[in-house]
Amino acid sequence: MNHRFSWPDDRLIKAAQDGDVMSLTTVVMRSQPHVRRFALSLCASPQDAEDAAQEALIILYRKLGTLRATGALASWMFRIVRNECLRQVRLLAARHEEQPAGPEACAGPSAEEAVLRGLEAERIAAAVGALPRDQRQVLVMRDVQGLPGRTVARSLGLSTAAMKSRLHRARTALRDVLDAPTGRPEGQAVAQAGDRFAGSPAEGKAL
C-alpha cells in the first residue's frame, strides 16, 4: 500500500500523544482519507459523510491522548465516525417526529411521551444505521429528509422505479427490526414509530 495512504504508525501516534504538535498534525492528515472512506460507507449522503468526517477528525485532534493502544487507531476512528453518522440520523428522526401532525400536537408531549420518543428515536437511528448503505441512503433522503421521489432517484443515479424498489426493501427491513419484540414497556410505542417512519403498505405504493 502506498505509504501516503497508510494509517499512522505507532511511533508517530505515541509522539503525538506525548504532545508533539507536528506529529499530531501528521496523524490527523494521514488518517483523513481513511476517515472519509468510513464516513462515505456509513452515512446516508455525501454531505452527511463530509460533516461526520470533519467532526471525527476534530475529535481525533482533541482526544488522541485518550487512545490507550496506538494500534487501535483504525477501529477507534471507525467507531467515532459510526457514532457521528448515527447522531445525524437521530437528529433527523427527532425533527421528523417534532413536525406538528394536527391541532392536538400544539399541547406538547407529556414527560412520559418525551421519554418514549427519545427511546424511539434512539432505536430507529440504530436500526437505520444497520441498514446496507444503499438502503440507508434512500430511506433517509425520502422518509426523514422528505425529499421528492424524483429528486432522490436523480441524486442516487437511479430510475424512479429502481428508487421505489430500493426504498421498499429499506422500509421492509427497517420494519422487520422495529417490529421485533423488545420485552420492554416501550416496545409497542417503538413499533408504532417504525410504522410511521418506514411507511405503511399503502404509502409504499404512493412513492
C-alpha atoms as a PDB file:
ATOM      1  CA  MET A   1       0.000   0.000   0.000  1.00  0.00           C
ATOM      2  CA  ASN A   2       1.213   3.493  -0.761  1.00  0.00           C
ATOM      3  CA  HIS A   3       2.652   4.947   2.468  1.00  0.00           C
ATOM      4  CA  ARG A   4       0.837   8.194   1.759  1.00  0.00           C
ATOM      5  CA  PHE A   5      -2.469   6.429   2.346  1.00  0.00           C
ATOM      6  CA  SER A   6      -1.436   4.160   5.222  1.00  0.00           C
ATOM      7  CA  TRP A   7      -2.530   4.656   8.811  1.00  0.00           C
ATOM      8  CA  PRO A   8      -0.014   6.495  11.025  1.00  0.00           C
ATOM      9  CA  ASP A   9       2.476   4.137  12.663  1.00  0.00           C
ATOM     10  CA  ASP A  10       2.776   3.540  16.402  1.00  0.00           C
ATOM     11  CA  ARG A  11       5.808   5.794  16.864  1.00  0.00           C
ATOM     12  CA  LEU A  12       4.078   8.742  15.231  1.00  0.00           C
ATOM     13  CA  ILE A  13       0.937   8.233  17.297  1.00  0.00           C
ATOM     14  CA  LYS A  14       2.988   7.955  20.513  1.00  0.00           C
ATOM     15  CA  ALA A  15       4.844  11.173  19.695  1.00  0.00           C
ATOM     16  CA  ALA A  16       1.529  12.918  19.066  1.00  0.00           C
ATOM     17  CA  GLN A  17       0.160  11.653  22.374  1.00  0.00           C
ATOM     18  CA  ASP A  18       3.266  12.986  24.098  1.00  0.00           C
ATOM     19  CA  GLY A  19       2.432  16.466  22.889  1.00  0.00           C
ATOM     20  CA  ASP A  20       4.411  16.886  19.679  1.00  0.00           C
ATOM     21  CA  VAL A  21       2.218  19.202  17.608  1.00  0.00           C
ATOM     22  CA  MET A  22       3.816  18.324  14.274  1.00  0.00           C
ATOM     23  CA  SER A  23       3.252  14.616  14.910  1.00  0.00           C
ATOM     24  CA  LEU A  24      -0.351  15.254  15.911  1.00  0.00           C
ATOM     25  CA  THR A  25      -0.977  17.220  12.726  1.00  0.00           C
ATOM     26  CA  THR A  26       0.581  14.425  10.674  1.00  0.00           C
ATOM     27  CA  VAL A  27      -1.582  11.801  12.400  1.00  0.00           C
ATOM     28  CA  VAL A  28      -4.719  13.761  11.505  1.00  0.00           C
ATOM     29  CA  MET A  29      -3.621  14.298   7.898  1.00  0.00           C
ATOM     30  CA  ARG A  30      -2.739  10.623   7.346  1.00  0.00           C
ATOM     31  CA  SER A  31      -5.985   9.492   8.968  1.00  0.00           C
ATOM     32  CA  GLN A  32      -8.147  11.804   6.849  1.00  0.00           C
ATOM     33  CA  PRO A  33      -8.592   9.610   3.718  1.00  0.00           C
ATOM     34  CA  HIS A  34      -9.484   6.572   5.834  1.00  0.00           C
ATOM     35  CA  VAL A  35     -11.933   8.556   7.939  1.00  0.00           C
ATOM     36  CA  ARG A  36     -13.627   9.920   4.815  1.00  0.00           C
ATOM     37  CA  ARG A  37     -13.905   6.397   3.403  1.00  0.00           C
ATOM     38  CA  PHE A  38     -15.517   5.196   6.631  1.00  0.00           C
ATOM     39  CA  ALA A  39     -17.968   8.106   6.538  1.00  0.00           C
ATOM     40  CA  LEU A  40     -18.953   7.542   2.914  1.00  0.00           C
ATOM     41  CA  SER A  41     -19.711   3.893   3.674  1.00  0.00           C
ATOM     42  CA  LEU A  42     -21.715   4.614   6.836  1.00  0.00           C
ATOM     43  CA  CYS A  43     -23.564   7.907   6.336  1.00  0.00           C
ATOM     44  CA  ALA A  44     -26.709   8.498   4.339  1.00  0.00           C
ATOM     45  CA  SER A  45     -25.363  11.113   1.924  1.00  0.00           C
ATOM     46  CA  PRO A  46     -22.039  12.613   0.798  1.00  0.00           C
ATOM     47  CA  GLN A  47     -22.829  15.804   2.709  1.00  0.00           C
ATOM     48  CA  ASP A  48     -23.545  13.850   5.899  1.00  0.00           C
ATOM     49  CA  ALA A  49     -20.334  11.898   5.328  1.00  0.00           C
ATOM     50  CA  GLU A  50     -18.332  15.107   4.983  1.00  0.00           C
ATOM     51  CA  ASP A  51     -19.832  16.517   8.180  1.00  0.00           C
ATOM     52  CA  ALA A  52     -19.187  13.274  10.081  1.00  0.00           C
ATOM     53  CA  ALA A  53     -15.610  13.035   8.808  1.00  0.00           C
ATOM     54  CA  GLN A  54     -14.849  16.612   9.833  1.00  0.00           C
ATOM     55  CA  GLU A  55     -16.289  16.062  13.301  1.00  0.00           C
ATOM     56  CA  ALA A  56     -14.389  12.788  13.688  1.00  0.00           C
ATOM     57  CA  LEU A  57     -11.095  14.443  12.716  1.00  0.00           C
ATOM     58  CA  ILE A  58     -11.710  17.195  15.261  1.00  0.00           C
ATOM     59  CA  ILE A  59     -12.287  14.537  17.922  1.00  0.00           C
ATOM     60  CA  LEU A  60      -9.090  12.791  16.815  1.00  0.00           C
ATOM     61  CA  TYR A  61      -7.119  16.022  17.169  1.00  0.00           C
ATOM     62  CA  ARG A  62      -8.540  16.826  20.581  1.00  0.00           C
ATOM     63  CA  LYS A  63      -8.717  13.387  22.160  1.00  0.00           C
ATOM     64  CA  LEU A  64      -5.927  11.288  20.655  1.00  0.00           C
ATOM     65  CA  GLY A  65      -4.378  11.178  24.107  1.00  0.00           C
ATOM     66  CA  THR A  66      -7.302   9.066  25.356  1.00  0.00           C
ATOM     67  CA  LEU A  67      -6.460   6.261  22.898  1.00  0.00           C
ATOM     68  CA  ARG A  68      -4.917   3.510  25.025  1.00  0.00           C
ATOM     69  CA  ALA A  69      -3.483   1.233  22.328  1.00  0.00           C
ATOM     70  CA  THR A  70      -1.744   3.006  19.459  1.00  0.00           C
ATOM     71  CA  GLY A  71      -2.501   0.055  17.169  1.00  0.00           C
ATOM     72  CA  ALA A  72      -6.244   0.527  17.713  1.00  0.00           C
ATOM     73  CA  LEU A  73      -6.473   3.869  15.887  1.00  0.00           C
ATOM     74  CA  ALA A  74      -8.414   2.468  12.911  1.00  0.00           C
ATOM     75  CA  SER A  75     -11.088   0.741  14.994  1.00  0.00           C
ATOM     76  CA  TRP A  76     -11.342   3.780  17.290  1.00  0.00           C
ATOM     77  CA  MET A  77     -11.908   6.126  14.364  1.00  0.00           C
ATOM     78  CA  PHE A  78     -14.410   3.729  12.802  1.00  0.00           C
ATOM     79  CA  ARG A  79     -16.490   3.842  15.990  1.00  0.00           C
ATOM     80  CA  ILE A  80     -16.299   7.634  16.134  1.00  0.00           C
ATOM     81  CA  VAL A  81     -17.441   8.003  12.520  1.00  0.00           C
ATOM     82  CA  ARG A  82     -20.225   5.455  13.017  1.00  0.00           C
ATOM     83  CA  ASN A  83     -21.457   7.307  16.096  1.00  0.00           C
ATOM     84  CA  GLU A  84     -21.407  10.609  14.210  1.00  0.00           C
ATOM     85  CA  CYS A  85     -23.475   9.134  11.372  1.00  0.00           C
ATOM     86  CA  LEU A  86     -25.955   7.674  13.859  1.00  0.00           C
ATOM     87  CA  ARG A  87     -26.155  11.019  15.655  1.00  0.00           C
ATOM     88  CA  GLN A  88     -27.116  12.691  12.388  1.00  0.00           C
ATOM     89  CA  VAL A  89     -29.857  10.134  11.801  1.00  0.00           C
ATOM     90  CA  ARG A  90     -31.147  10.647  15.365  1.00  0.00           C
ATOM     91  CA  LEU A  91     -31.331  14.400  14.810  1.00  0.00           C
ATOM     92  CA  LEU A  92     -33.184  13.951  11.531  1.00  0.00           C
ATOM     93  CA  ALA A  93     -35.562  11.440  13.102  1.00  0.00           C
ATOM     94  CA  ALA A  94     -36.209  13.793  16.017  1.00  0.00           C
ATOM     95  CA  ARG A  95     -37.012  16.659  13.643  1.00  0.00           C
ATOM     96  CA  HIS A  96     -39.311  14.337  11.721  1.00  0.00           C
ATOM     97  CA  GLU A  97     -41.143  13.476  14.954  1.00  0.00           C
ATOM     98  CA  GLU A  98     -41.393  17.123  16.005  1.00  0.00           C
ATOM     99  CA  GLN A  99     -43.363  18.191  12.931  1.00  0.00           C
ATOM    100  CA  PRO A 100     -46.950  19.038  14.050  1.00  0.00           C
ATOM    101  CA  ALA A 101     -49.447  16.417  12.925  1.00  0.00           C
ATOM    102  CA  GLY A 102     -52.540  18.459  13.782  1.00  0.00           C
ATOM    103  CA  PRO A 103     -54.115  20.844  16.325  1.00  0.00           C
ATOM    104  CA  GLU A 104     -53.623  18.324  19.138  1.00  0.00           C
ATOM    105  CA  ALA A 105     -49.862  18.483  18.622  1.00  0.00           C
ATOM    106  CA  CYS A 106     -49.806  22.040  19.964  1.00  0.00           C
ATOM    107  CA  ALA A 107     -50.469  20.779  23.502  1.00  0.00           C
ATOM    108  CA  GLY A 108     -46.965  19.296  23.653  1.00  0.00           C
ATOM    109  CA  PRO A 109     -45.919  15.842  24.843  1.00  0.00           C
ATOM    110  CA  SER A 110     -46.114  14.683  28.426  1.00  0.00           C
ATOM    111  CA  ALA A 111     -42.936  13.733  30.302  1.00  0.00           C
ATOM    112  CA  GLU A 112     -43.662  10.032  29.654  1.00  0.00           C
ATOM    113  CA  GLU A 113     -44.243  10.652  25.962  1.00  0.00           C
ATOM    114  CA  ALA A 114     -40.985  12.620  25.742  1.00  0.00           C
ATOM    115  CA  VAL A 115     -39.061   9.696  27.245  1.00  0.00           C
ATOM    116  CA  LEU A 116     -40.717   7.220  24.891  1.00  0.00           C
ATOM    117  CA  ARG A 117     -39.983   9.416  21.902  1.00  0.00           C
ATOM    118  CA  GLY A 118     -36.339   9.568  22.933  1.00  0.00           C
ATOM    119  CA  LEU A 119     -36.212   5.783  23.130  1.00  0.00           C
ATOM    120  CA  GLU A 120     -37.987   5.520  19.775  1.00  0.00           C
ATOM    121  CA  ALA A 121     -35.538   7.871  18.080  1.00  0.00           C
ATOM    122  CA  GLU A 122     -32.573   6.005  19.552  1.00  0.00           C
ATOM    123  CA  ARG A 123     -33.784   2.609  18.418  1.00  0.00           C
ATOM    124  CA  ILE A 124     -34.838   3.875  14.991  1.00  0.00           C
ATOM    125  CA  ALA A 125     -31.448   5.502  14.491  1.00  0.00           C
ATOM    126  CA  ALA A 126     -29.654   2.275  15.388  1.00  0.00           C
ATOM    127  CA  ALA A 127     -31.885   0.278  13.045  1.00  0.00           C
ATOM    128  CA  VAL A 128     -31.378   2.743  10.193  1.00  0.00           C
ATOM    129  CA  GLY A 129     -27.643   2.749  10.793  1.00  0.00           C
ATOM    130  CA  ALA A 130     -27.574  -1.050  10.475  1.00  0.00           C
ATOM    131  CA  LEU A 131     -29.153  -0.998   7.006  1.00  0.00           C
ATOM    132  CA  PRO A 132     -26.925  -1.514   3.952  1.00  0.00           C
ATOM    133  CA  ARG A 133     -25.626   1.841   2.714  1.00  0.00           C
ATOM    134  CA  ASP A 134     -27.745   1.895  -0.464  1.00  0.00           C
ATOM    135  CA  GLN A 135     -30.934   1.271   1.533  1.00  0.00           C
ATOM    136  CA  ARG A 136     -29.945   3.727   4.264  1.00  0.00           C
ATOM    137  CA  GLN A 137     -29.367   6.487   1.738  1.00  0.00           C
ATOM    138  CA  VAL A 138     -32.728   6.199   0.019  1.00  0.00           C
ATOM    139  CA  LEU A 139     -34.636   5.789   3.307  1.00  0.00           C
ATOM    140  CA  VAL A 140     -33.121   8.840   4.980  1.00  0.00           C
ATOM    141  CA  MET A 141     -33.440  11.036   1.887  1.00  0.00           C
ATOM    142  CA  ARG A 142     -37.056  10.030   1.188  1.00  0.00           C
ATOM    143  CA  ASP A 143     -38.603   9.392   4.608  1.00  0.00           C
ATOM    144  CA  VAL A 144     -36.550  11.546   7.004  1.00  0.00           C
ATOM    145  CA  GLN A 145     -35.459  14.465   4.862  1.00  0.00           C
ATOM    146  CA  GLY A 146     -38.727  14.317   2.925  1.00  0.00           C
ATOM    147  CA  LEU A 147     -37.160  14.820  -0.494  1.00  0.00           C
ATOM    148  CA  PRO A 148     -39.373  14.171  -3.549  1.00  0.00           C
ATOM    149  CA  GLY A 149     -39.021  10.719  -5.078  1.00  0.00           C
ATOM    150  CA  ARG A 150     -37.693  12.074  -8.371  1.00  0.00           C
ATOM    151  CA  THR A 151     -35.078  14.145  -6.547  1.00  0.00           C
ATOM    152  CA  VAL A 152     -33.913  11.112  -4.566  1.00  0.00           C
ATOM    153  CA  ALA A 153     -33.735   8.973  -7.699  1.00  0.00           C
ATOM    154  CA  ARG A 154     -31.765  11.621  -9.576  1.00  0.00           C
ATOM    155  CA  SER A 155     -29.348  12.180  -6.660  1.00  0.00           C
ATOM    156  CA  LEU A 156     -28.611   8.462  -6.423  1.00  0.00           C
ATOM    157  CA  GLY A 157     -28.365   7.944 -10.171  1.00  0.00           C
ATOM    158  CA  LEU A 158     -31.382   5.612 -10.225  1.00  0.00           C
ATOM    159  CA  SER A 159     -34.529   5.352 -12.265  1.00  0.00           C
ATOM    160  CA  THR A 160     -37.704   6.174 -10.354  1.00  0.00           C
ATOM    161  CA  ALA A 161     -38.711   2.502 -10.454  1.00  0.00           C
ATOM    162  CA  ALA A 162     -35.345   1.391  -9.083  1.00  0.00           C
ATOM    163  CA  MET A 163     -35.525   4.008  -6.333  1.00  0.00           C
ATOM    164  CA  LYS A 164     -39.003   2.823  -5.334  1.00  0.00           C
ATOM    165  CA  SER A 165     -37.843  -0.782  -5.238  1.00  0.00           C
ATOM    166  CA  ARG A 166     -34.848   0.077  -3.077  1.00  0.00           C
ATOM    167  CA  LEU A 167     -36.988   2.208  -0.758  1.00  0.00           C
ATOM    168  CA  HIS A 168     -39.490  -0.627  -0.377  1.00  0.00           C
ATOM    169  CA  ARG A 169     -36.687  -3.022   0.611  1.00  0.00           C
ATOM    170  CA  ALA A 170     -35.316  -0.499   3.084  1.00  0.00           C
ATOM    171  CA  ARG A 171     -38.725   0.122   4.671  1.00  0.00           C
ATOM    172  CA  THR A 172     -39.399  -3.594   4.925  1.00  0.00           C
ATOM    173  CA  ALA A 173     -36.019  -4.285   6.514  1.00  0.00           C
ATOM    174  CA  LEU A 174     -36.477  -1.427   8.983  1.00  0.00           C
ATOM    175  CA  ARG A 175     -39.996  -2.514   9.892  1.00  0.00           C
ATOM    176  CA  ASP A 176     -38.815  -6.090  10.492  1.00  0.00           C
ATOM    177  CA  VAL A 177     -36.252  -4.835  13.008  1.00  0.00           C
ATOM    178  CA  LEU A 178     -38.594  -2.424  14.758  1.00  0.00           C
ATOM    179  CA  ASP A 179     -41.457  -4.924  14.928  1.00  0.00           C
ATOM    180  CA  ALA A 180     -39.265  -7.438  16.753  1.00  0.00           C
ATOM    181  CA  PRO A 181     -40.432  -7.912  20.386  1.00  0.00           C
ATOM    182  CA  THR A 182     -38.339  -5.946  22.860  1.00  0.00           C
ATOM    183  CA  GLY A 183     -39.766  -7.233  26.116  1.00  0.00           C
ATOM    184  CA  ARG A 184     -39.897  -3.636  27.347  1.00  0.00           C
ATOM    185  CA  PRO A 185     -42.912  -1.379  28.047  1.00  0.00           C
ATOM    186  CA  GLU A 186     -41.945   0.985  25.257  1.00  0.00           C
ATOM    187  CA  GLY A 187     -41.930  -1.816  22.666  1.00  0.00           C
ATOM    188  CA  GLN A 188     -45.411  -1.039  21.343  1.00  0.00           C
ATOM    189  CA  ALA A 189     -44.627   2.673  21.008  1.00  0.00           C
ATOM    190  CA  VAL A 190     -41.415   1.875  19.150  1.00  0.00           C
ATOM    191  CA  ALA A 191     -43.269  -0.434  16.765  1.00  0.00           C
ATOM    192  CA  GLN A 192     -45.782   2.326  16.070  1.00  0.00           C
ATOM    193  CA  ALA A 193     -42.916   4.743  15.413  1.00  0.00           C
ATOM    194  CA  GLY A 194     -41.473   2.224  12.988  1.00  0.00           C
ATOM    195  CA  ASP A 195     -44.744   2.162  11.073  1.00  0.00           C
ATOM    196  CA  ARG A 196     -44.680   5.956  10.774  1.00  0.00           C
ATOM    197  CA  PHE A 197     -41.028   6.057   9.782  1.00  0.00           C
ATOM    198  CA  ALA A 198     -40.964   3.092   7.398  1.00  0.00           C
ATOM    199  CA  GLY A 199     -44.366   3.856   5.886  1.00  0.00           C
ATOM    200  CA  SER A 200     -47.486   1.751   5.645  1.00  0.00           C
ATOM    201  CA  PRO A 201     -48.065  -0.664   2.710  1.00  0.00           C
ATOM    202  CA  ALA A 202     -50.440   1.886   1.240  1.00  0.00           C
ATOM    203  CA  GLU A 203     -47.801   4.594   1.473  1.00  0.00           C
ATOM    204  CA  GLY A 204     -45.319   2.313  -0.240  1.00  0.00           C
ATOM    205  CA  LYS A 205     -47.498   2.384  -3.366  1.00  0.00           C
ATOM    206  CA  ALA A 206     -47.555   6.164  -3.493  1.00  0.00           C
ATOM    207  CA  LEU A 207     -43.880   6.965  -3.611  1.00  0.00           C
END
